[in-house]
Amino acid sequence: MPRRPGSRRPVAVGTTVGRRPGTVAFLRDTVEELKANGSVAESLRRSGQEAGLPAPPA
């Protein structure tokens, strides 16, 4: 699985082939917002994983 630059674990968000560019942009923006507002780090903390694992917001 490809790794995002700066990340220590693979990260993936999937959708079907042929999605409109607006759908892809929405997914990208949503993931970036979740990283920026700390939701990803909090989820990792609750699951006992290192909170420093998510890549920084783009």
PDB file of N, CA and C in Angstrom:
ATOM      1  N   MET A   1       0.844  -1.166   0.000  1.00  0.00           N
ATOM      2  CA  MET A   1       0.000   0.000   0.000  1.00  0.00           C
ATOM      3  C   MET A   1       0.893   1.233   0.000  1.00  0.00           C
ATOM      4  N   PRO A   2       0.585   2.241  -0.805  1.00  0.00           N
ATOM      5  CA  PRO A   2       1.434   3.430  -0.855  1.00  0.00           C
ATOM      6  C   PRO A   2       1.387   4.198   0.461  1.00  0.00           C
ATOM      7  N   ARG A   3       2.471   4.899   0.745  1.00  0.00           N
ATOM      8  CA  ARG A   3       2.536   5.714   1.954  1.00  0.00           C
ATOM      9  C   ARG A   3       2.471   7.184   1.582  1.00  0.00           C
ATOM     10  N   ARG A   4       1.762   7.902   2.393  1.00  0.00           N
ATOM     11  CA  ARG A   4       1.677   9.343   2.220  1.00  0.00           C
ATOM     12  C   ARG A   4       2.986   9.948   2.709  1.00  0.00           C
ATOM     13  N   PRO A   5       3.538  10.942   2.021  1.00  0.00           N
ATOM     14  CA  PRO A   5       4.784  11.551   2.476  1.00  0.00           C
ATOM     15  C   PRO A   5       4.679  12.005   3.928  1.00  0.00           C
ATOM     16  N   GLY A   6       5.648  11.643   4.721  1.00  0.00           N
ATOM     17  CA  GLY A   6       5.657  12.034   6.128  1.00  0.00           C
ATOM     18  C   GLY A   6       4.917  11.080   7.038  1.00  0.00           C
ATOM     19  N   SER A   7       4.207  10.120   6.501  1.00  0.00           N
ATOM     20  CA  SER A   7       3.473   9.197   7.358  1.00  0.00           C
ATOM     21  C   SER A   7       4.301   7.962   7.643  1.00  0.00           C
ATOM     22  N   ARG A   8       4.005   7.330   8.764  1.00  0.00           N
ATOM     23  CA  ARG A   8       4.708   6.111   9.126  1.00  0.00           C
ATOM     24  C   ARG A   8       3.846   4.883   8.902  1.00  0.00           C
ATOM     25  N   ARG A   9       2.608   5.090   8.552  1.00  0.00           N
ATOM     26  CA  ARG A   9       1.694   3.986   8.267  1.00  0.00           C
ATOM     27  C   ARG A   9       0.943   4.286   6.986  1.00  0.00           C
ATOM     28  N   PRO A  10       0.596   3.246   6.266  1.00  0.00           N
ATOM     29  CA  PRO A  10      -0.204   3.483   5.067  1.00  0.00           C
ATOM     30  C   PRO A  10      -1.571   4.063   5.436  1.00  0.00           C
ATOM     31  N   VAL A  11      -2.054   4.936   4.599  1.00  0.00           N
ATOM     32  CA  VAL A  11      -3.364   5.552   4.800  1.00  0.00           C
ATOM     33  C   VAL A  11      -4.128   5.406   3.492  1.00  0.00           C
ATOM     34  N   ALA A  12      -5.378   5.050   3.594  1.00  0.00           N
ATOM     35  CA  ALA A  12      -6.158   4.899   2.375  1.00  0.00           C
ATOM     36  C   ALA A  12      -7.597   5.328   2.595  1.00  0.00           C
ATOM     37  N   VAL A  13      -8.138   5.979   1.616  1.00  0.00           N
ATOM     38  CA  VAL A  13      -9.567   6.280   1.529  1.00  0.00           C
ATOM     39  C   VAL A  13      -9.948   5.842   0.130  1.00  0.00           C
ATOM     40  N   GLY A  14     -10.941   5.014   0.030  1.00  0.00           N
ATOM     41  CA  GLY A  14     -11.280   4.474  -1.282  1.00  0.00           C
ATOM     42  C   GLY A  14     -12.630   4.930  -1.794  1.00  0.00           C
ATOM     43  N   THR A  15     -12.749   4.903  -3.089  1.00  0.00           N
ATOM     44  CA  THR A  15     -14.005   5.171  -3.761  1.00  0.00           C
ATOM     45  C   THR A  15     -13.966   4.396  -5.084  1.00  0.00           C
ATOM     46  N   THR A  16     -15.047   4.357  -5.778  1.00  0.00           N
ATOM     47  CA  THR A  16     -15.083   3.617  -7.034  1.00  0.00           C
ATOM     48  C   THR A  16     -14.388   4.399  -8.146  1.00  0.00           C
ATOM     49  N   VAL A  17     -13.940   3.647  -9.145  1.00  0.00           N
ATOM     50  CA  VAL A  17     -13.298   4.261 -10.306  1.00  0.00           C
ATOM     51  C   VAL A  17     -14.321   5.124 -11.037  1.00  0.00           C
ATOM     52  N   GLY A  18     -13.880   6.241 -11.527  1.00  0.00           N
ATOM     53  CA  GLY A  18     -14.758   7.085 -12.324  1.00  0.00           C
ATOM     54  C   GLY A  18     -15.561   8.101 -11.530  1.00  0.00           C
ATOM     55  N   ARG A  19     -15.243   8.260 -10.260  1.00  0.00           N
ATOM     56  CA  ARG A  19     -15.949   9.281  -9.475  1.00  0.00           C
ATOM     57  C   ARG A  19     -15.649  10.662 -10.032  1.00  0.00           C
ATOM     58  N   ARG A  20     -16.610  11.528  -9.876  1.00  0.00           N
ATOM     59  CA  ARG A  20     -16.430  12.903 -10.338  1.00  0.00           C
ATOM     60  C   ARG A  20     -15.335  13.590  -9.531  1.00  0.00           C
ATOM     61  N   PRO A  21     -14.632  14.530 -10.140  1.00  0.00           N
ATOM     62  CA  PRO A  21     -13.578  15.245  -9.423  1.00  0.00           C
ATOM     63  C   PRO A  21     -14.083  15.904  -8.134  1.00  0.00           C
ATOM     64  N   GLY A  22     -15.310  16.355  -8.123  1.00  0.00           N
ATOM     65  CA  GLY A  22     -15.873  16.970  -6.921  1.00  0.00           C
ATOM     66  C   GLY A  22     -15.977  15.991  -5.764  1.00  0.00           C
ATOM     67  N   THR A  23     -16.271  14.744  -6.062  1.00  0.00           N
ATOM     68  CA  THR A  23     -16.351  13.706  -5.025  1.00  0.00           C
ATOM     69  C   THR A  23     -14.978  13.429  -4.448  1.00  0.00           C
ATOM     70  N   VAL A  24     -13.991  13.326  -5.317  1.00  0.00           N
ATOM     71  CA  VAL A  24     -12.617  13.088  -4.873  1.00  0.00           C
ATOM     72  C   VAL A  24     -12.137  14.270  -4.026  1.00  0.00           C
ATOM     73  N   ALA A  25     -12.438  15.479  -4.455  1.00  0.00           N
ATOM     74  CA  ALA A  25     -12.044  16.671  -3.699  1.00  0.00           C
ATOM     75  C   ALA A  25     -12.710  16.683  -2.323  1.00  0.00           C
ATOM     76  N   PHE A  26     -13.982  16.300  -2.270  1.00  0.00           N
ATOM     77  CA  PHE A  26     -14.688  16.239  -0.988  1.00  0.00           C
ATOM     78  C   PHE A  26     -14.005  15.261  -0.039  1.00  0.00           C
ATOM     79  N   LEU A  27     -13.665  14.073  -0.528  1.00  0.00           N
ATOM     80  CA  LEU A  27     -12.996  13.079   0.313  1.00  0.00           C
ATOM     81  C   LEU A  27     -11.651  13.602   0.805  1.00  0.00           C
ATOM     82  N   ARG A  28     -10.868  14.168  -0.096  1.00  0.00           N
ATOM     83  CA  ARG A  28      -9.554  14.715   0.271  1.00  0.00           C
ATOM     84  C   ARG A  28      -9.710  15.803   1.335  1.00  0.00           C
ATOM     85  N   ASP A  29     -10.633  16.731   1.107  1.00  0.00           N
ATOM     86  CA  ASP A  29     -10.842  17.831   2.049  1.00  0.00           C
ATOM     87  C   ASP A  29     -11.327  17.327   3.408  1.00  0.00           C
ATOM     88  N   THR A  30     -12.201  16.324   3.395  1.00  0.00           N
ATOM     89  CA  THR A  30     -12.715  15.768   4.644  1.00  0.00           C
ATOM     90  C   THR A  30     -11.595  15.128   5.455  1.00  0.00           C
ATOM     91  N   VAL A  31     -10.752  14.348   4.807  1.00  0.00           N
ATOM     92  CA  VAL A  31      -9.636  13.712   5.508  1.00  0.00           C
ATOM     93  C   VAL A  31      -8.698  14.773   6.069  1.00  0.00           C
ATOM     94  N   GLU A  32      -8.392  15.795   5.296  1.00  0.00           N
ATOM     95  CA  GLU A  32      -7.505  16.862   5.775  1.00  0.00           C
ATOM     96  C   GLU A  32      -8.121  17.593   6.971  1.00  0.00           C
ATOM     97  N   GLU A  33      -9.427  17.832   6.936  1.00  0.00           N
ATOM     98  CA  GLU A  33     -10.104  18.485   8.057  1.00  0.00           C
ATOM     99  C   GLU A  33     -10.040  17.619   9.316  1.00  0.00           C
ATOM    100  N   LEU A  34     -10.256  16.310   9.155  1.00  0.00           N
ATOM    101  CA  LEU A  34     -10.200  15.401  10.302  1.00  0.00           C
ATOM    102  C   LEU A  34      -8.806  15.345  10.904  1.00  0.00           C
ATOM    103  N   LYS A  35      -7.785  15.439  10.068  1.00  0.00           N
ATOM    104  CA  LYS A  35      -6.420  15.472  10.588  1.00  0.00           C
ATOM    105  C   LYS A  35      -6.154  16.799  11.285  1.00  0.00           C
ATOM    106  N   ALA A  36      -6.583  17.898  10.670  1.00  0.00           N
ATOM    107  CA  ALA A  36      -6.306  19.227  11.207  1.00  0.00           C
ATOM    108  C   ALA A  36      -7.019  19.485  12.530  1.00  0.00           C
ATOM    109  N   ASN A  37      -8.235  18.969  12.701  1.00  0.00           N
ATOM    110  CA  ASN A  37      -8.978  19.256  13.931  1.00  0.00           C
ATOM    111  C   ASN A  37      -8.697  18.254  15.044  1.00  0.00           C
ATOM    112  N   GLY A  38      -7.787  17.308  14.791  1.00  0.00           N
ATOM    113  CA  GLY A  38      -7.376  16.380  15.835  1.00  0.00           C
ATOM    114  C   GLY A  38      -8.207  15.113  15.946  1.00  0.00           C
ATOM    115  N   SER A  39      -9.203  14.950  15.094  1.00  0.00           N
ATOM    116  CA  SER A  39     -10.056  13.762  15.176  1.00  0.00           C
ATOM    117  C   SER A  39      -9.287  12.475  14.935  1.00  0.00           C
ATOM    118  N   VAL A  40      -8.367  12.493  13.987  1.00  0.00           N
ATOM    119  CA  VAL A  40      -7.597  11.285  13.692  1.00  0.00           C
ATOM    120  C   VAL A  40      -6.697  10.948  14.879  1.00  0.00           C
ATOM    121  N   ALA A  41      -5.999  11.956  15.408  1.00  0.00           N
ATOM    122  CA  ALA A  41      -5.115  11.721  16.559  1.00  0.00           C
ATOM    123  C   ALA A  41      -5.907  11.212  17.759  1.00  0.00           C
ATOM    124  N   GLU A  42      -7.084  11.761  17.994  1.00  0.00           N
ATOM    125  CA  GLU A  42      -7.916  11.330  19.123  1.00  0.00           C
ATOM    126  C   GLU A  42      -8.371   9.882  18.934  1.00  0.00           C
ATOM    127  N   SER A  43      -8.755   9.519  17.727  1.00  0.00           N
ATOM    128  CA  SER A  43      -9.170   8.144  17.462  1.00  0.00           C
ATOM    129  C   SER A  43      -8.015   7.171  17.688  1.00  0.00           C
ATOM    130  N   LEU A  44      -6.825   7.565  17.248  1.00  0.00           N
ATOM    131  CA  LEU A  44      -5.656   6.725  17.482  1.00  0.00           C
ATOM    132  C   LEU A  44      -5.373   6.595  18.973  1.00  0.00           C
ATOM    133  N   ARG A  45      -5.481   7.701  19.709  1.00  0.00           N
ATOM    134  CA  ARG A  45      -5.237   7.667  21.151  1.00  0.00           C
ATOM    135  C   ARG A  45      -6.213   6.722  21.838  1.00  0.00           C
ATOM    136  N   ARG A  46      -7.496   6.815  21.490  1.00  0.00           N
ATOM    137  CA  ARG A  46      -8.518   5.962  22.113  1.00  0.00           C
ATOM    138  C   ARG A  46      -8.279   4.486  21.806  1.00  0.00           C
ATOM    139  N   SER A  47      -7.678   4.209  20.665  1.00  0.00           N
ATOM    140  CA  SER A  47      -7.445   2.811  20.301  1.00  0.00           C
ATOM    141  C   SER A  47      -6.085   2.298  20.798  1.00  0.00           C
ATOM    142  N   GLY A  48      -5.368   3.152  21.546  1.00  0.00           N
ATOM    143  CA  GLY A  48      -4.098   2.738  22.108  1.00  0.00           C
ATOM    144  C   GLY A  48      -2.912   2.853  21.158  1.00  0.00           C
ATOM    145  N   GLN A  49      -3.096   3.558  20.069  1.00  0.00           N
ATOM    146  CA  GLN A  49      -2.005   3.742  19.112  1.00  0.00           C
ATOM    147  C   GLN A  49      -1.350   5.100  19.336  1.00  0.00           C
ATOM    148  N   GLU A  50      -0.198   5.288  18.730  1.00  0.00           N
ATOM    149  CA  GLU A  50       0.514   6.547  18.865  1.00  0.00           C
ATOM    150  C   GLU A  50      -0.251   7.687  18.195  1.00  0.00           C
ATOM    151  N   ALA A  51      -0.505   8.750  18.944  1.00  0.00           N
ATOM    152  CA  ALA A  51      -1.230   9.896  18.382  1.00  0.00           C
ATOM    153  C   ALA A  51      -0.397  10.628  17.358  1.00  0.00           C
ATOM    154  N   GLY A  52       0.918  10.461  17.363  1.00  0.00           N
ATOM    155  CA  GLY A  52       1.771  11.150  16.398  1.00  0.00           C
ATOM    156  C   GLY A  52       1.811  10.499  15.036  1.00  0.00           C
ATOM    157  N   LEU A  53       1.043   9.447  14.832  1.00  0.00           N
ATOM    158  CA  LEU A  53       1.105   8.725  13.565  1.00  0.00           C
ATOM    159  C   LEU A  53       0.480   9.439  12.375  1.00  0.00           C
ATOM    160  N   PRO A  54      -0.604  10.185  12.516  1.00  0.00           N
ATOM    161  CA  PRO A  54      -1.156  10.749  11.281  1.00  0.00           C
ATOM    162  C   PRO A  54      -0.193  11.749  10.680  1.00  0.00           C
ATOM    163  N   ALA A  55      -0.142  11.766   9.365  1.00  0.00           N
ATOM    164  CA  ALA A  55       0.674  12.764   8.677  1.00  0.00           C
ATOM    165  C   ALA A  55       0.103  14.143   8.986  1.00  0.00           C
ATOM    166  N   PRO A  56       0.948  15.169   9.008  1.00  0.00           N
ATOM    167  CA  PRO A  56       0.434  16.510   9.262  1.00  0.00           C
ATOM    168  C   PRO A  56      -0.521  16.936   8.152  1.00  0.00           C
ATOM    169  N   PRO A  57      -1.413  17.872   8.456  1.00  0.00           N
ATOM    170  CA  PRO A  57      -2.311  18.363   7.398  1.00  0.00           C
ATOM    171  C   PRO A  57      -1.515  18.864   6.198  1.00  0.00           C
ATOM    172  N   ALA A  58      -2.051  18.646   5.022  1.00  0.00           N
ATOM    173  CA  ALA A  58      -1.365  19.051   3.786  1.00  0.00           C
ATOM    174  C   ALA A  58      -1.371  20.550   3.632  1.00  0.00           C
TER     175      ALA A  58
END
